C-alpha atoms as a PDB file:
ATOM      1  CA  UNK A   1       0.226 -24.287 -13.421  1.00  0.00           C
ATOM      2  CA  UNK A   2       0.618 -22.667  -9.987  1.00  0.00           C
ATOM      3  CA  UNK A   3       0.234 -24.856  -6.910  1.00  0.00           C
ATOM      4  CA  UNK A   4      -2.965 -24.581  -4.891  1.00  0.00           C
ATOM      5  CA  UNK A   5      -1.173 -22.847  -1.999  1.00  0.00           C
ATOM      6  CA  UNK A   6       2.175 -21.088  -1.526  1.00  0.00           C
ATOM      7  CA  UNK A   7       3.628 -19.207   1.409  1.00  0.00           C
ATOM      8  CA  UNK A   8       5.589 -16.468  -0.356  1.00  0.00           C
ATOM      9  CA  UNK A   9       7.085 -14.757   2.694  1.00  0.00           C
ATOM     10  CA  UNK A  10       7.138 -15.062   6.474  1.00  0.00           C
ATOM     11  CA  UNK A  11       8.560 -12.690   9.113  1.00  0.00           C
ATOM     12  CA  UNK A  12       8.463 -12.517  12.874  1.00  0.00           C
ATOM     13  CA  UNK A  13       7.786  -8.832  13.543  1.00  0.00           C
ATOM     14  CA  UNK A  14       7.264  -6.839  16.748  1.00  0.00           C
ATOM     15  CA  UNK A  15       3.527  -7.062  15.966  1.00  0.00           C
ATOM     16  CA  UNK A  16       3.580 -10.836  15.426  1.00  0.00           C
ATOM     17  CA  UNK A  17       3.944 -13.333  12.597  1.00  0.00           C
ATOM     18  CA  UNK A  18       3.466 -11.701   9.195  1.00  0.00           C
ATOM     19  CA  UNK A  19       2.661 -13.991   6.264  1.00  0.00           C
ATOM     20  CA  UNK A  20       2.157 -13.354   2.560  1.00  0.00           C
ATOM     21  CA  UNK A  21       0.581 -16.238   0.731  1.00  0.00           C
ATOM     22  CA  UNK A  22      -0.814 -16.995  -2.685  1.00  0.00           C
ATOM     23  CA  UNK A  23      -3.457 -19.593  -3.456  1.00  0.00           C
ATOM     24  CA  UNK A  24      -5.702 -20.780  -6.250  1.00  0.00           C
ATOM     25  CA  UNK A  25      -9.421 -20.842  -5.551  1.00  0.00           C
ATOM     26  CA  UNK A  26     -10.827 -23.689  -7.606  1.00  0.00           C
ATOM     27  CA  UNK A  27     -14.424 -22.605  -6.868  1.00  0.00           C
ATOM     28  CA  UNK A  28     -13.571 -19.383  -8.754  1.00  0.00           C
ATOM     29  CA  UNK A  29     -12.208 -21.114 -11.857  1.00  0.00           C
ATOM     30  CA  UNK A  30      -8.675 -21.281 -10.473  1.00  0.00           C
ATOM     31  CA  UNK A  31      -8.409 -17.556  -9.685  1.00  0.00           C
ATOM     32  CA  UNK A  32      -5.115 -16.650  -7.985  1.00  0.00           C
ATOM     33  CA  UNK A  33      -5.492 -14.616  -4.809  1.00  0.00           C
ATOM     34  CA  UNK A  34      -2.970 -13.078  -2.434  1.00  0.00           C
ATOM     35  CA  UNK A  35      -3.523 -12.895   1.313  1.00  0.00           C
ATOM     36  CA  UNK A  36      -1.779 -11.081   4.140  1.00  0.00           C
ATOM     37  CA  UNK A  37      -2.059 -12.473   7.657  1.00  0.00           C
ATOM     38  CA  UNK A  38      -0.777 -11.101  10.936  1.00  0.00           C
ATOM     39  CA  UNK A  39      -0.772 -13.883  13.507  1.00  0.00           C
ATOM     40  CA  UNK A  40      -4.121 -15.603  12.875  1.00  0.00           C
ATOM     41  CA  UNK A  41      -5.910 -12.533  11.498  1.00  0.00           C
ATOM     42  CA  UNK A  42      -6.464 -11.832   7.816  1.00  0.00           C
ATOM     43  CA  UNK A  43      -5.371  -8.266   7.085  1.00  0.00           C
ATOM     44  CA  UNK A  44      -6.005  -8.183   3.364  1.00  0.00           C
ATOM     45  CA  UNK A  45      -6.968 -10.291   0.383  1.00  0.00           C
ATOM     46  CA  UNK A  46      -6.759  -9.565  -3.331  1.00  0.00           C
ATOM     47  CA  UNK A  47     -10.160 -11.225  -3.582  1.00  0.00           C
ATOM     48  CA  UNK A  48     -11.831  -8.383  -1.653  1.00  0.00           C
ATOM     49  CA  UNK A  49     -10.154  -5.077  -2.401  1.00  0.00           C
ATOM     50  CA  UNK A  50     -12.962  -2.763  -3.557  1.00  0.00           C
ATOM     51  CA  UNK A  51     -13.040  -0.938  -0.217  1.00  0.00           C
ATOM     52  CA  UNK A  52      -9.275  -0.367  -0.375  1.00  0.00           C
ATOM     53  CA  UNK A  53      -9.509   1.306  -3.784  1.00  0.00           C
ATOM     54  CA  UNK A  54     -12.672   3.192  -2.821  1.00  0.00           C
ATOM     55  CA  UNK A  55     -10.852   4.714   0.150  1.00  0.00           C
ATOM     56  CA  UNK A  56      -8.552   6.619  -2.208  1.00  0.00           C
ATOM     57  CA  UNK A  57     -11.176   7.243  -4.880  1.00  0.00           C
ATOM     58  CA  UNK A  58     -13.654   8.739  -2.406  1.00  0.00           C
ATOM     59  CA  UNK A  59     -11.076  11.001  -0.825  1.00  0.00           C
ATOM     60  CA  UNK A  60      -9.410  12.119  -4.051  1.00  0.00           C
ATOM     61  CA  UNK A  61     -12.399  12.437  -6.389  1.00  0.00           C
ATOM     62  CA  UNK A  62     -13.187  15.953  -5.162  1.00  0.00           C
ATOM     63  CA  UNK A  63      -9.690  17.366  -5.553  1.00  0.00           C
ATOM     64  CA  UNK A  64      -9.476  20.555  -7.535  1.00  0.00           C
ATOM     65  CA  UNK A  65      -6.348  21.815  -9.194  1.00  0.00           C
ATOM     66  CA  UNK A  66      -3.080  19.949  -9.251  1.00  0.00           C
ATOM     67  CA  UNK A  67       0.069  19.498  -7.266  1.00  0.00           C
ATOM     68  CA  UNK A  68      -1.426  17.557  -4.364  1.00  0.00           C
ATOM     69  CA  UNK A  69       0.734  15.736  -1.823  1.00  0.00           C
ATOM     70  CA  UNK A  70      -1.111  12.634  -0.619  1.00  0.00           C
ATOM     71  CA  UNK A  71      -0.279  10.315   2.281  1.00  0.00           C
ATOM     72  CA  UNK A  72      -1.705   6.799   2.499  1.00  0.00           C
ATOM     73  CA  UNK A  73      -1.483   4.951   5.796  1.00  0.00           C
ATOM     74  CA  UNK A  74      -0.768   1.278   5.180  1.00  0.00           C
ATOM     75  CA  UNK A  75       0.575  -0.244   1.965  1.00  0.00           C
ATOM     76  CA  UNK A  76      -0.798  -3.793   2.242  1.00  0.00           C
ATOM     77  CA  UNK A  77      -1.293  -5.231  -1.242  1.00  0.00           C
ATOM     78  CA  UNK A  78      -1.149  -1.723  -2.717  1.00  0.00           C
ATOM     79  CA  UNK A  79      -4.739  -1.189  -3.844  1.00  0.00           C
ATOM     80  CA  UNK A  80      -5.215   2.159  -2.086  1.00  0.00           C
ATOM     81  CA  UNK A  81      -1.861   3.495  -3.328  1.00  0.00           C
ATOM     82  CA  UNK A  82      -2.523   2.269  -6.885  1.00  0.00           C
ATOM     83  CA  UNK A  83      -5.949   3.932  -6.904  1.00  0.00           C
ATOM     84  CA  UNK A  84      -4.460   7.208  -5.632  1.00  0.00           C
ATOM     85  CA  UNK A  85      -1.862   7.192  -8.411  1.00  0.00           C
ATOM     86  CA  UNK A  86      -4.650   7.112 -10.994  1.00  0.00           C
ATOM     87  CA  UNK A  87      -5.456  10.743 -10.144  1.00  0.00           C
ATOM     88  CA  UNK A  88      -3.461  13.233 -12.217  1.00  0.00           C
ATOM     89  CA  UNK A  89      -3.878  15.830  -9.442  1.00  0.00           C
ATOM     90  CA  UNK A  90      -1.526  13.797  -7.237  1.00  0.00           C
ATOM     91  CA  UNK A  91       1.976  15.216  -7.484  1.00  0.00           C
ATOM     92  CA  UNK A  92       3.488  13.131  -4.697  1.00  0.00           C
ATOM     93  CA  UNK A  93       2.266  10.029  -2.891  1.00  0.00           C
ATOM     94  CA  UNK A  94       3.799   8.917   0.392  1.00  0.00           C
ATOM     95  CA  UNK A  95       2.791   5.557   1.838  1.00  0.00           C
ATOM     96  CA  UNK A  96       3.340   5.052   5.566  1.00  0.00           C
ATOM     97  CA  UNK A  97       3.781   1.387   6.439  1.00  0.00           C
ATOM     98  CA  UNK A  98       4.498  -0.016   9.912  1.00  0.00           C
ATOM     99  CA  UNK A  99       6.007  -3.274   8.636  1.00  0.00           C
ATOM    100  CA  UNK A 100       9.106  -3.104   6.436  1.00  0.00           C
ATOM    101  CA  UNK A 101       8.535  -6.589   4.923  1.00  0.00           C
ATOM    102  CA  UNK A 102       5.358  -5.250   3.287  1.00  0.00           C
ATOM    103  CA  UNK A 103       7.431  -2.650   1.424  1.00  0.00           C
ATOM    104  CA  UNK A 104       9.878  -5.397   0.471  1.00  0.00           C
ATOM    105  CA  UNK A 105       7.043  -7.419  -1.142  1.00  0.00           C
ATOM    106  CA  UNK A 106       6.454  -4.494  -3.489  1.00  0.00           C
ATOM    107  CA  UNK A 107      10.175  -3.996  -4.136  1.00  0.00           C
ATOM    108  CA  UNK A 108      10.466  -7.683  -5.040  1.00  0.00           C
ATOM    109  CA  UNK A 109       7.230  -7.666  -7.065  1.00  0.00           C
ATOM    110  CA  UNK A 110       5.768 -10.500  -4.946  1.00  0.00           C
ATOM    111  CA  UNK A 111       2.297  -8.923  -4.960  1.00  0.00           C
ATOM    112  CA  UNK A 112       0.050  -8.045  -7.909  1.00  0.00           C
ATOM    113  CA  UNK A 113       0.387  -4.301  -7.227  1.00  0.00           C
ATOM    114  CA  UNK A 114       4.169  -4.386  -7.019  1.00  0.00           C
ATOM    115  CA  UNK A 115       6.152  -2.467  -9.612  1.00  0.00           C
ATOM    116  CA  UNK A 116       3.472  -2.730 -12.305  1.00  0.00           C
ATOM    117  CA  UNK A 117       0.551  -0.855 -10.724  1.00  0.00           C
ATOM    118  CA  UNK A 118       2.105   1.186  -7.937  1.00  0.00           C
ATOM    119  CA  UNK A 119       4.623   2.967 -10.116  1.00  0.00           C
ATOM    120  CA  UNK A 120       2.653   3.795 -13.287  1.00  0.00           C
ATOM    121  CA  UNK A 121       3.854   7.351 -13.876  1.00  0.00           C
ATOM    122  CA  UNK A 122       7.406   8.377 -14.546  1.00  0.00           C
ATOM    123  CA  UNK A 123       9.651   9.515 -12.976  1.00  0.00           C
ATOM    124  CA  UNK A 124       7.905   8.026  -9.941  1.00  0.00           C
ATOM    125  CA  UNK A 125      10.622   5.738  -8.701  1.00  0.00           C
ATOM    126  CA  UNK A 126      10.466   4.731  -5.045  1.00  0.00           C
ATOM    127  CA  UNK A 127      12.671   6.470  -2.495  1.00  0.00           C
ATOM    128  CA  UNK A 128      12.767   4.709   0.850  1.00  0.00           C
ATOM    129  CA  UNK A 129      13.538   6.242   4.219  1.00  0.00           C
ATOM    130  CA  UNK A 130      14.260   4.478   7.463  1.00  0.00           C
ATOM    131  CA  UNK A 131      11.839   6.221   9.774  1.00  0.00           C
ATOM    132  CA  UNK A 132       8.799   8.307   8.915  1.00  0.00           C
ATOM    133  CA  UNK A 133       7.743  11.014  11.391  1.00  0.00           C
ATOM    134  CA  UNK A 134       4.560  10.501  13.377  1.00  0.00           C
ATOM    135  CA  UNK A 135       2.831  13.490  11.787  1.00  0.00           C
ATOM    136  CA  UNK A 136       3.148  13.653   8.017  1.00  0.00           C
ATOM    137  CA  UNK A 137       3.777  17.022   6.425  1.00  0.00           C
ATOM    138  CA  UNK A 138       3.671  17.979   2.749  1.00  0.00           C
ATOM    139  CA  UNK A 139       6.890  18.398   0.759  1.00  0.00           C
ATOM    140  CA  UNK A 140       6.717  22.184   1.092  1.00  0.00           C
ATOM    141  CA  UNK A 141       5.754  23.657   4.493  1.00  0.00           C
ATOM    142  CA  UNK A 142       3.604  26.362   2.870  1.00  0.00           C
ATOM    143  CA  UNK A 143       1.767  23.882   0.610  1.00  0.00           C
ATOM    144  CA  UNK A 144      -2.004  24.065   0.810  1.00  0.00           C
ATOM    145  CA  UNK A 145      -2.724  21.020  -1.337  1.00  0.00           C
ATOM    146  CA  UNK A 146      -2.248  17.934   0.769  1.00  0.00           C
ATOM    147  CA  UNK A 147      -4.510  15.107   1.786  1.00  0.00           C
ATOM    148  CA  UNK A 148      -4.087  12.140   4.094  1.00  0.00           C
ATOM    149  CA  UNK A 149      -5.848   8.857   3.307  1.00  0.00           C
ATOM    150  CA  UNK A 150      -5.744   6.436   6.245  1.00  0.00           C
ATOM    151  CA  UNK A 151      -5.737   2.743   5.445  1.00  0.00           C
ATOM    152  CA  UNK A 152      -4.629   1.468   8.806  1.00  0.00           C
ATOM    153  CA  UNK A 153      -6.331   1.048  12.157  1.00  0.00           C
ATOM    154  CA  UNK A 154      -3.207   1.292  14.306  1.00  0.00           C
ATOM    155  CA  UNK A 155      -1.391   4.617  13.753  1.00  0.00           C
ATOM    156  CA  UNK A 156       0.207   4.265  17.194  1.00  0.00           C
ATOM    157  CA  UNK A 157       2.530   1.604  15.747  1.00  0.00           C
ATOM    158  CA  UNK A 158       4.901   4.301  14.493  1.00  0.00           C
ATOM    159  CA  UNK A 159       7.782   4.685  13.918  1.00  0.00           C
ATOM    160  CA  UNK A 160       7.028   3.254  10.545  1.00  0.00           C
ATOM    161  CA  UNK A 161       8.695   2.885   7.199  1.00  0.00           C
ATOM    162  CA  UNK A 162       7.711   5.058   4.295  1.00  0.00           C
ATOM    163  CA  UNK A 163       7.614   4.744   0.546  1.00  0.00           C
ATOM    164  CA  UNK A 164       7.565   7.941  -1.488  1.00  0.00           C
ATOM    165  CA  UNK A 165       6.457   8.349  -5.106  1.00  0.00           C
ATOM    166  CA  UNK A 166       7.646  11.674  -6.485  1.00  0.00           C
END
């Protein structure tokens, strides 16, 4: 059985102390939840993620045709990215993340939406770049099918790291 509380990762970042933790909530029949904190603020919880998924679903539900390039701002626990990848119209998904340790959590499969849910379609293997430009552009300059889904409240924190699903 998992312990009641585990700190899975900790980093001092330019934005402050970033913590990934996992805990069991006995009041919910021992449900395991993951939480992301920056300093003393909760950024995300796997207990409350409906809004994260709805962000992608609302934006992508009206897409027509295929071959869309989609950008998601903020990876977090991966719920917005995972929801976006459920849409067959999405050809390429780029996630813009200000904190490299968050990408590492997904690389290391420390979060529930690590390799299992964020990479469901082949050959969508992650390609990482060091710095992502402040204004995201689609893969082809003349492309008309691109959409940006923002999942972050601080876009000024760029340069950021990016994760691309192609």
